[in-house]
Amino acid sequence: MIGEVPAGYGLADSKVAAYGYPGFFTRPPVLYQPTYPRLAPAEMIRRGLTERVPPWLDEGSVSLLSQETMPKKQTLKNKEVYVKLIKDLYPTDGVKFDDDDGHYIVIPNSDLTPRYRIIKVLGQGTFGKVIQCYDRLKRDYCAIKVIRSIQKYRDASMIELRVLRTISENDPENSRKCIHMRDCFDYRNHICIVMGLLGMSVFDFLKNNSFIPFPLSHIQHFAHQLFTSVAFLHDLNLIHTDLKPENILLVHAGFHTVPYTKKLGVKVRRLLNNTEIRLIDFGSATFENEYHSSVVSTRHYRAPEIILGMGWSYPCDIWSIGCILIEFFTGEALFQTHDNLEHLSMMEIICGKMEPKLIRQSSKSAQKYFRHSGKLDYPNKDTSPSSRKFVKTMRSLKEIIPSTSPLKIHFLDLLTKIFIYDPNRRITAKEALSHPYFFTPVREDDI
């Protein structure tokens, strides 16, 4: 993330510094029976209720999960993506295009290629830069991820291209809320991935909004879109592995302000005019039957099976979504830590004690986090006073989300099904989409 520009498109991670710590489809099949069924508008008026009906339950719209949600006939994953080579039209002998780290040197108002004119840098990270460009052919703006001209990053980008092509071929109308690749090419030894230009990341909106939590109606819509995207990916045998607010972009970042009195020093709250999102950054996405690295996911959103070295699969994405939803609800990351033992101790406070079976299944190196009794070895003689103090401030799920309304009751129940240590028992994305949480209208006092 650079300045006010989104860290999106999968390049930057500014959370540590920012926090300051070391349409719609037909109704889905019901897997859970809602306790609070949706009331007809006339009945709502009769009861004097003011409720906001989720858009996927509106009779005049199409719901976000139907038999059409997943492709009827999926294409096989792409084995290889052809990347066309674009050559310079004029001699460039002696001209330096890269810095010492292999990043492309961006000059605003110059041409990246004859088709794309550079506007500005949107973000920079390990793999390269994202720049905003004007597409002379389509006559609109786009974002181009320019990979560093170093072979290992070029090789890694080819995996991302396979994933992006698989996504777009299985969802040509882009109804699954994943960003689509417009084009790709090789220019001056840089793999370039062209994508649509979107708004800022959800994390950046939170940061610019003084980390004020999102309204419950926004959280509900975000959650539905996230589970829709992830259910689609999992159906394609893909695991995202790096779900976090930085990798969720707003399609439109426009907002209006309202008075706010719940946070010291903050007088106004920004409310989004449109809560449509796109999931981005498939640079770490993995096909289920291909090589799995031992550690994946950004620390704050990492599932317990990864920390315990048990191996990982689709459920690790679900755990990450749970962390994201609580962050939307509180305005703060749930697991603000950089240490495995501290992370596990925080999990036990929030989600309860770990089952002995899982401890036995953990890797040899992870056994050191537990005593012979099976109890977590925290705190111990090496635990710092600051760590002890910080972990003591943690609250359980029930304390974080009070059961003060039907919506919050169902939200808590959904999160309880997400934060299950055993990945085999964790709720799936498809199951989550049929949870009563998504069938419960938002009352105005929940905003």
Protein backbone atom coordinates (compact mmCIF):
# COMPACT_ATOMS: atom_id res chain seq x y z
CA MET A 1 0.00 0.00 0.00
CA ILE A 2 1.38 3.39 -0.97
CA GLY A 3 -0.27 6.49 0.41
CA GLU A 4 -4.03 6.30 0.00
CA VAL A 5 -3.96 3.74 -2.75
CA PRO A 6 -5.21 0.21 -2.11
CA ALA A 7 -2.67 -2.36 -1.06
CA GLY A 8 -4.73 -4.66 -3.18
CA TYR A 9 -3.98 -6.80 -6.13
CA GLY A 10 -1.87 -8.91 -3.79
CA LEU A 11 1.27 -6.96 -3.11
CA ALA A 12 1.40 -5.16 0.21
CA ASP A 13 0.83 -5.96 3.86
CA SER A 14 0.57 -2.78 5.89
CA LYS A 15 -1.45 -4.18 8.78
CA VAL A 16 1.32 -4.36 11.37
CA ALA A 17 2.18 -0.70 10.92
CA ALA A 18 -1.43 0.38 10.75
CA TYR A 19 -2.48 -1.42 13.93
CA GLY A 20 0.74 -0.55 15.68
CA TYR A 21 1.61 -4.03 16.94
CA PRO A 22 5.14 -6.43 16.76
CA GLY A 23 -26.20 -10.04 -9.41
CA PHE A 24 -27.50 -12.37 -6.96
CA PHE A 25 -29.02 -15.91 -7.57
CA THR A 26 -32.14 -18.05 -6.49
CA ARG A 27 -32.70 -19.14 -2.92
CA PRO A 28 -30.30 -21.85 -1.69
CA PRO A 29 -31.27 -25.25 -0.35
CA VAL A 30 -31.64 -24.95 3.43
CA LEU A 31 -29.16 -27.01 5.43
CA TYR A 32 -30.14 -25.23 8.65
CA GLN A 33 -33.67 -24.24 9.64
CA PRO A 34 -33.78 -20.51 10.48
CA THR A 35 -35.24 -19.81 13.93
CA TYR A 36 -36.37 -16.39 12.77
CA PRO A 37 -37.91 -16.74 9.30
CA ARG A 38 -38.14 -13.68 7.09
CA LEU A 39 -41.39 -11.75 7.48
CA ALA A 40 -43.40 -10.55 4.52
CA PRO A 41 -43.33 -6.76 4.06
CA ALA A 42 -47.02 -6.46 5.00
CA GLU A 43 -46.44 -8.42 8.21
CA MET A 44 -43.45 -6.22 9.02
CA ILE A 45 -45.63 -3.12 8.65
CA ARG A 46 -48.36 -4.69 10.80
CA ARG A 47 -45.83 -5.38 13.55
CA GLY A 48 -44.26 -1.97 13.17
CA LEU A 49 -40.86 -3.44 12.39
CA THR A 50 -38.13 -1.71 10.43
CA GLU A 51 -35.81 -4.32 9.03
CA ARG A 52 -33.32 -4.44 6.23
CA VAL A 53 -33.82 -7.59 4.19
CA PRO A 54 -30.60 -9.14 2.85
CA PRO A 55 -30.48 -8.64 -0.93
CA TRP A 56 -30.21 -12.38 -1.63
CA LEU A 57 -33.63 -12.83 0.08
CA ASP A 58 -35.35 -10.06 -1.85
CA GLU A 59 -38.09 -11.52 -4.01
CA GLY A 60 -37.15 -9.15 -6.82
CA SER A 61 -33.51 -10.16 -6.97
CA VAL A 62 -31.56 -13.31 -7.61
CA SER A 63 -29.97 -15.12 -4.64
CA LEU A 64 -26.24 -15.69 -4.16
CA LEU A 65 -26.46 -19.47 -4.07
CA SER A 66 -28.47 -21.65 -6.39
CA GLN A 67 -27.94 -24.77 -8.38
CA GLU A 68 -26.31 -22.41 -10.88
CA THR A 69 -23.76 -21.06 -8.38
CA MET A 70 -21.18 -23.63 -9.34
CA PRO A 71 -20.41 -24.27 -13.00
CA LYS A 72 -22.43 -27.16 -14.42
CA LYS A 73 -19.49 -28.35 -16.46
CA GLN A 74 -16.20 -27.10 -15.12
CA THR A 75 -13.22 -26.86 -17.37
CA LEU A 76 -10.12 -28.67 -16.23
CA LYS A 77 -7.54 -26.53 -14.51
CA ASN A 78 -5.23 -24.83 -16.96
CA LYS A 79 -1.96 -26.68 -17.32
CA GLU A 80 -0.22 -23.80 -19.03
CA VAL A 81 -1.02 -20.21 -19.98
CA TYR A 82 0.45 -18.74 -23.12
CA VAL A 83 2.13 -15.40 -22.39
CA LYS A 84 2.73 -13.35 -25.51
CA LEU A 85 6.04 -11.56 -25.83
CA ILE A 86 5.83 -7.85 -26.61
CA LYS A 87 8.97 -6.34 -28.08
CA ASP A 88 10.04 -2.71 -28.07
CA LEU A 89 9.31 -0.87 -31.29
CA TYR A 90 12.57 1.06 -31.10
CA PRO A 91 16.13 0.21 -29.97
CA THR A 92 16.60 0.43 -26.19
CA ASP A 93 20.31 -0.28 -25.89
CA GLY A 94 21.76 1.24 -22.73
CA VAL A 95 18.36 2.17 -21.28
CA LYS A 96 17.80 0.99 -17.69
CA PHE A 97 14.26 -0.27 -17.09
CA ASP A 98 14.74 -2.01 -13.71
CA ASP A 99 16.06 -1.02 -10.30
CA ASP A 100 18.66 -3.13 -8.50
CA ASP A 101 15.97 -5.44 -7.09
CA GLY A 102 14.41 -6.23 -10.44
CA HIS A 103 11.39 -3.96 -9.99
CA TYR A 104 10.23 -2.14 -13.11
CA ILE A 105 11.02 1.58 -12.94
CA VAL A 106 7.67 3.32 -13.29
CA ILE A 107 7.51 6.75 -14.93
CA PRO A 108 4.03 8.33 -14.78
CA ASN A 109 2.57 9.48 -18.11
CA SER A 110 4.95 7.23 -20.05
CA ASP A 111 4.01 4.14 -22.05
CA LEU A 112 4.31 0.70 -20.54
CA THR A 113 3.55 -0.66 -24.02
CA PRO A 114 2.00 1.10 -27.01
CA ARG A 115 -1.40 -0.02 -25.68
CA TYR A 116 -1.02 0.94 -22.00
CA ARG A 117 -0.15 4.40 -20.68
CA ILE A 118 1.13 4.53 -17.10
CA ILE A 119 -0.84 6.70 -14.67
CA LYS A 120 0.67 5.91 -11.27
CA VAL A 121 1.89 3.19 -8.90
CA LEU A 122 -0.88 1.59 -6.86
CA GLY A 123 1.25 -0.67 -4.69
CA GLN A 124 4.53 -2.51 -4.35
CA GLY A 125 5.45 -5.79 -2.71
CA THR A 126 7.75 -8.78 -2.82
CA PHE A 127 6.57 -9.97 -6.23
CA GLY A 128 6.55 -6.63 -8.01
CA LYS A 129 4.45 -3.52 -8.51
CA VAL A 130 0.84 -2.80 -9.38
CA ILE A 131 0.38 0.23 -11.60
CA GLN A 132 -2.69 2.02 -12.83
CA CYS A 133 -2.74 2.34 -16.60
CA TYR A 134 -4.98 3.68 -19.32
CA ASP A 135 -5.93 1.04 -21.89
CA ARG A 136 -5.98 2.79 -25.27
CA LEU A 137 -7.73 -0.14 -26.92
CA LYS A 138 -10.61 -0.47 -24.44
CA ARG A 139 -10.54 3.23 -23.58
CA ASP A 140 -10.71 2.70 -19.83
CA TYR A 141 -8.42 2.32 -16.84
CA CYS A 142 -6.95 -0.93 -15.57
CA ALA A 143 -4.50 -2.27 -13.01
CA ILE A 144 -1.40 -4.12 -14.19
CA LYS A 145 0.64 -6.33 -11.89
CA VAL A 146 4.24 -6.09 -13.12
CA ILE A 147 6.27 -9.02 -11.79
CA ARG A 148 9.93 -8.51 -10.92
CA SER A 149 12.40 -9.56 -13.61
CA ILE A 150 13.87 -12.31 -11.42
CA GLN A 151 13.35 -15.90 -12.52
CA LYS A 152 11.84 -17.27 -9.30
CA TYR A 153 9.17 -14.55 -9.35
CA ARG A 154 8.52 -15.10 -13.04
CA ASP A 155 8.08 -18.82 -12.34
CA ALA A 156 5.71 -18.14 -9.44
CA SER A 157 3.64 -15.80 -11.59
CA MET A 158 3.00 -18.62 -14.05
CA ILE A 159 1.17 -20.51 -11.30
CA GLU A 160 -0.95 -17.44 -10.58
CA LEU A 161 -1.75 -17.15 -14.28
CA ARG A 162 -2.98 -20.76 -14.34
CA VAL A 163 -5.24 -20.04 -11.37
CA LEU A 164 -6.61 -16.81 -12.86
CA ARG A 165 -7.28 -18.46 -16.21
CA THR A 166 -9.03 -21.39 -14.48
CA ILE A 167 -11.23 -18.94 -12.56
CA SER A 168 -12.19 -16.87 -15.59
CA GLU A 169 -12.94 -19.89 -17.79
CA ASN A 170 -15.22 -21.36 -15.13
CA ASP A 171 -16.92 -18.04 -14.37
CA PRO A 172 -17.01 -16.06 -17.63
CA GLU A 173 -19.66 -13.64 -16.33
CA ASN A 174 -17.66 -12.92 -13.15
CA SER A 175 -20.56 -13.65 -10.82
CA ARG A 176 -18.41 -15.36 -8.17
CA LYS A 177 -16.76 -12.17 -6.93
CA CYS A 178 -13.18 -13.11 -7.87
CA ILE A 179 -11.05 -10.66 -9.81
CA HIS A 180 -10.60 -11.56 -13.48
CA MET A 181 -7.50 -11.35 -15.61
CA ARG A 182 -8.03 -9.30 -18.77
CA ASP A 183 -4.73 -10.03 -20.42
CA CYS A 184 -1.14 -11.09 -19.78
CA PHE A 185 2.10 -10.45 -21.60
CA ASP A 186 5.88 -10.52 -21.23
CA TYR A 187 7.50 -7.10 -21.65
CA ARG A 188 11.12 -6.22 -21.00
CA ASN A 189 11.49 -9.48 -19.04
CA HIS A 190 8.52 -8.67 -16.78
CA ILE A 191 5.40 -10.84 -16.69
CA CYS A 192 2.49 -8.39 -16.70
CA ILE A 193 -1.01 -9.35 -15.53
CA VAL A 194 -3.81 -6.97 -16.56
CA MET A 195 -6.89 -6.71 -14.31
CA GLY A 196 -9.85 -4.43 -13.90
CA LEU A 197 -9.35 -1.31 -11.81
CA LEU A 198 -11.25 -1.53 -8.52
CA GLY A 199 -11.56 0.57 -5.40
CA MET A 200 -9.49 0.40 -2.22
CA SER A 201 -9.19 -2.70 -0.07
CA VAL A 202 -11.64 -3.32 2.73
CA PHE A 203 -8.73 -2.98 5.15
CA ASP A 204 -7.81 0.44 3.78
CA PHE A 205 -11.42 1.56 4.16
CA LEU A 206 -11.36 0.39 7.78
CA LYS A 207 -8.09 2.24 8.39
CA ASN A 208 -9.35 5.45 6.77
CA ASN A 209 -12.50 5.12 8.88
CA SER A 210 -10.50 5.13 12.15
CA PHE A 211 -11.07 1.36 12.46
CA ILE A 212 -14.73 1.87 13.24
CA PRO A 213 -16.53 -1.48 12.77
CA PHE A 214 -18.69 -2.03 9.71
CA PRO A 215 -22.48 -1.97 10.10
CA LEU A 216 -24.00 -5.42 10.55
CA SER A 217 -25.77 -5.21 7.21
CA HIS A 218 -22.42 -4.61 5.50
CA ILE A 219 -20.78 -7.50 7.36
CA GLN A 220 -23.60 -9.82 6.35
CA HIS A 221 -23.26 -8.88 2.67
CA PHE A 222 -19.45 -9.12 2.78
CA ALA A 223 -19.73 -12.56 4.40
CA HIS A 224 -22.17 -13.83 1.79
CA GLN A 225 -19.94 -12.70 -1.06
CA LEU A 226 -16.82 -14.18 0.57
CA PHE A 227 -18.43 -17.57 1.09
CA THR A 228 -19.76 -17.45 -2.48
CA SER A 229 -16.24 -16.82 -3.84
CA VAL A 230 -14.60 -19.43 -1.66
CA ALA A 231 -17.27 -22.07 -2.36
CA PHE A 232 -16.60 -21.50 -6.05
CA LEU A 233 -12.82 -21.78 -5.60
CA HIS A 234 -13.13 -24.94 -3.54
CA ASP A 235 -15.40 -26.44 -6.17
CA LEU A 236 -12.54 -25.86 -8.62
CA ASN A 237 -10.20 -27.70 -6.22
CA LEU A 238 -8.48 -24.40 -5.40
CA ILE A 239 -7.45 -23.16 -1.96
CA HIS A 240 -6.81 -19.41 -1.75
CA THR A 241 -4.55 -19.68 1.37
CA ASP A 242 -4.21 -15.92 1.90
CA LEU A 243 -7.64 -14.53 2.69
CA LYS A 244 -7.44 -11.23 4.59
CA PRO A 245 -9.05 -7.76 4.39
CA GLU A 246 -6.15 -6.49 2.27
CA ASN A 247 -7.08 -9.03 -0.39
CA ILE A 248 -10.71 -7.99 -0.57
CA LEU A 249 -11.27 -4.97 -2.80
CA LEU A 250 -14.33 -2.76 -2.94
CA VAL A 251 -15.80 -2.43 -6.41
CA HIS A 252 -16.89 1.11 -5.52
CA ALA A 253 -15.36 2.90 -2.55
CA GLY A 254 -17.84 5.80 -2.44
CA PHE A 255 -19.25 6.64 0.98
CA HIS A 256 -21.30 9.12 2.97
CA THR A 257 -20.75 10.23 6.56
CA VAL A 258 -22.95 10.15 9.64
CA PRO A 259 -22.35 11.43 13.19
CA TYR A 260 -20.54 8.96 15.45
CA THR A 261 -20.09 9.08 19.23
CA LYS A 262 -18.95 5.58 20.20
CA LYS A 263 -15.20 6.14 19.79
CA LEU A 264 -13.14 8.77 21.57
CA GLY A 265 -11.83 11.43 19.21
CA VAL A 266 -13.99 10.29 16.30
CA LYS A 267 -16.97 12.44 15.34
CA VAL A 268 -18.07 10.99 12.01
CA ARG A 269 -18.39 7.52 10.55
CA ARG A 270 -18.00 6.64 6.89
CA LEU A 271 -20.68 4.34 5.48
CA LEU A 272 -20.17 2.66 2.13
CA ASN A 273 -22.71 3.40 -0.57
CA ASN A 274 -22.04 0.03 -2.18
CA THR A 275 -20.77 -3.14 -0.48
CA GLU A 276 -19.91 -5.18 -3.56
CA ILE A 277 -16.44 -6.74 -3.32
CA ARG A 278 -13.92 -8.75 -5.32
CA LEU A 279 -11.50 -11.34 -3.99
CA ILE A 280 -7.94 -10.78 -5.22
CA ASP A 281 -4.34 -12.03 -4.98
CA PHE A 282 -4.19 -15.60 -6.19
CA GLY A 283 -0.41 -15.64 -6.08
CA SER A 284 -0.46 -18.14 -3.21
CA ALA A 285 -3.50 -20.12 -4.37
CA THR A 286 -2.91 -23.86 -4.52
CA PHE A 287 -4.63 -26.69 -6.36
CA GLU A 288 -5.62 -29.36 -3.86
CA ASN A 289 -3.70 -32.14 -5.62
CA GLU A 290 -0.49 -30.15 -6.09
CA TYR A 291 2.43 -29.27 -3.82
CA HIS A 292 1.47 -27.72 -0.46
CA SER A 293 4.10 -25.61 1.32
CA SER A 294 4.22 -26.23 5.07
CA VAL A 295 3.25 -22.68 6.10
CA VAL A 296 0.61 -20.58 4.36
CA SER A 297 -1.68 -17.66 5.23
CA THR A 298 -0.83 -14.31 6.77
CA ARG A 299 -0.22 -14.81 10.50
CA HIS A 300 -3.39 -13.16 11.85
CA TYR A 301 -5.62 -15.36 9.66
CA ARG A 302 -3.70 -18.63 9.96
CA ALA A 303 -5.64 -21.76 10.92
CA PRO A 304 -4.53 -23.95 13.86
CA GLU A 305 -3.79 -26.99 11.66
CA ILE A 306 -1.10 -24.93 9.89
CA ILE A 307 0.55 -23.90 13.16
CA LEU A 308 0.38 -27.48 14.42
CA GLY A 309 1.93 -28.87 11.23
CA MET A 310 -1.01 -31.18 10.57
CA GLY A 311 -1.26 -30.36 6.88
CA TRP A 312 -3.94 -28.13 5.43
CA SER A 313 -6.65 -27.99 2.81
CA TYR A 314 -9.91 -26.14 2.08
CA PRO A 315 -10.83 -25.60 5.78
CA CYS A 316 -7.91 -23.20 6.29
CA ASP A 317 -9.74 -20.69 4.06
CA ILE A 318 -12.85 -20.98 6.25
CA TRP A 319 -10.87 -20.20 9.42
CA SER A 320 -9.46 -17.11 7.70
CA ILE A 321 -12.97 -15.93 6.82
CA GLY A 322 -13.96 -16.23 10.48
CA CYS A 323 -11.03 -14.01 11.50
CA ILE A 324 -11.99 -11.49 8.83
CA LEU A 325 -15.63 -11.31 9.91
CA ILE A 326 -14.71 -10.64 13.53
CA GLU A 327 -12.32 -7.94 12.36
CA PHE A 328 -15.21 -6.34 10.48
CA PHE A 329 -17.33 -6.56 13.65
CA THR A 330 -14.77 -5.11 16.09
CA GLY A 331 -12.55 -3.04 13.79
CA GLU A 332 -9.44 -4.87 15.00
CA ALA A 333 -7.59 -8.02 13.97
CA LEU A 334 -8.56 -10.93 16.19
CA PHE A 335 -5.14 -12.57 16.59
CA GLN A 336 -2.62 -9.76 16.93
CA THR A 337 0.47 -11.86 17.42
CA HIS A 338 3.62 -13.05 15.69
CA ASP A 339 4.41 -16.03 17.92
CA ASN A 340 3.01 -19.56 17.53
CA LEU A 341 2.66 -20.34 21.23
CA GLU A 342 1.03 -17.00 21.98
CA HIS A 343 -1.24 -17.51 18.97
CA LEU A 344 -2.39 -20.91 20.25
CA SER A 345 -3.02 -19.51 23.73
CA MET A 346 -5.18 -16.76 22.24
CA MET A 347 -7.11 -19.38 20.28
CA GLU A 348 -7.85 -21.31 23.46
CA ILE A 349 -9.26 -18.23 25.16
CA ILE A 350 -11.43 -17.33 22.17
CA CYS A 351 -12.46 -20.79 20.98
CA GLY A 352 -11.96 -23.09 23.97
CA LYS A 353 -9.46 -25.84 24.77
CA MET A 354 -7.92 -27.96 22.05
CA GLU A 355 -8.92 -31.61 21.79
CA PRO A 356 -6.22 -34.12 22.87
CA LYS A 357 -6.71 -35.94 19.54
CA LEU A 358 -5.50 -32.88 17.60
CA ILE A 359 -2.52 -32.43 19.88
CA ARG A 360 -1.52 -36.04 19.19
CA GLN A 361 -1.88 -35.42 15.44
CA SER A 362 0.34 -32.34 15.44
CA SER A 363 3.85 -32.50 14.03
CA LYS A 364 6.92 -33.35 16.08
CA SER A 365 8.10 -29.75 16.02
CA ALA A 366 4.70 -28.52 17.24
CA GLN A 367 4.70 -30.91 20.22
CA LYS A 368 6.97 -28.44 22.03
CA TYR A 369 3.99 -26.12 22.48
CA PHE A 370 2.37 -28.62 24.86
CA ARG A 371 3.29 -30.14 28.23
CA HIS A 372 3.26 -33.88 28.86
CA SER A 373 -0.21 -33.47 30.34
CA GLY A 374 -1.46 -32.21 26.98
CA LYS A 375 -1.97 -28.71 28.33
CA LEU A 376 -0.65 -25.78 26.32
CA ASP A 377 2.75 -24.68 27.63
CA TYR A 378 1.67 -21.10 28.15
CA PRO A 379 2.66 -19.09 30.06
CA ASN A 380 6.11 -20.47 30.78
CA LYS A 381 9.39 -19.13 32.15
CA ASP A 382 10.22 -17.52 28.80
CA THR A 383 6.90 -15.72 28.45
CA SER A 384 7.33 -11.95 28.60
CA PRO A 385 5.21 -9.83 30.97
CA SER A 386 3.83 -7.92 27.98
CA SER A 387 2.66 -11.16 26.37
CA ARG A 388 0.96 -12.32 29.58
CA LYS A 389 -0.74 -8.96 29.92
CA PHE A 390 -1.89 -8.88 26.31
CA VAL A 391 -3.26 -12.43 26.27
CA LYS A 392 -5.23 -11.70 29.45
CA THR A 393 -7.16 -9.02 27.55
CA MET A 394 -8.53 -11.59 25.09
CA ARG A 395 -12.26 -12.36 25.21
CA SER A 396 -14.22 -15.45 24.26
CA LEU A 397 -16.43 -15.48 21.17
CA LYS A 398 -19.53 -15.09 23.33
CA GLU A 399 -18.03 -12.02 24.97
CA ILE A 400 -17.02 -10.49 21.64
CA ILE A 401 -20.45 -10.97 20.07
CA PRO A 402 -23.27 -10.42 22.58
CA SER A 403 -26.52 -12.26 21.84
CA THR A 404 -28.63 -9.10 21.79
CA SER A 405 -30.56 -9.72 18.57
CA PRO A 406 -31.54 -12.62 16.29
CA LEU A 407 -28.88 -11.54 13.78
CA LYS A 408 -26.09 -11.55 16.37
CA ILE A 409 -27.26 -14.90 17.73
CA HIS A 410 -26.94 -16.43 14.27
CA PHE A 411 -23.67 -14.60 13.59
CA LEU A 412 -22.21 -16.08 16.77
CA ASP A 413 -23.48 -19.54 15.83
CA LEU A 414 -21.90 -19.30 12.38
CA LEU A 415 -18.56 -18.24 13.87
CA THR A 416 -18.75 -21.07 16.40
CA LYS A 417 -19.03 -23.51 13.49
CA ILE A 418 -16.08 -21.79 11.77
CA PHE A 419 -13.75 -21.74 14.77
CA ILE A 420 -13.58 -25.49 15.21
CA TYR A 421 -10.05 -26.77 15.65
CA ASP A 422 -10.61 -30.02 13.78
CA PRO A 423 -10.59 -29.02 10.09
CA ASN A 424 -12.65 -32.10 9.20
CA ARG A 425 -15.52 -30.83 11.38
CA ARG A 426 -15.30 -27.16 10.39
CA ILE A 427 -18.23 -25.81 8.39
CA THR A 428 -17.70 -25.68 4.62
CA ALA A 429 -18.29 -22.63 2.43
CA LYS A 430 -21.36 -24.23 0.82
CA GLU A 431 -22.83 -25.14 4.21
CA ALA A 432 -22.15 -21.63 5.52
CA LEU A 433 -24.17 -20.08 2.69
CA SER A 434 -27.28 -21.89 3.96
CA HIS A 435 -26.81 -20.89 7.60
CA PRO A 436 -29.76 -18.94 9.11
CA TYR A 437 -27.45 -15.94 9.55
CA PHE A 438 -27.96 -15.21 5.86
CA PHE A 439 -31.75 -15.47 6.15
CA THR A 440 -32.07 -13.00 9.03
CA PRO A 441 -32.99 -9.37 8.27
CA VAL A 442 -30.96 -6.59 9.87
CA ARG A 443 -32.93 -4.40 12.25
CA GLU A 444 -32.14 -0.71 12.24
CA ASP A 445 -30.86 -0.88 15.83
CA ASP A 446 -28.23 -3.39 14.64
CA ILE A 447 -26.66 -0.83 12.29
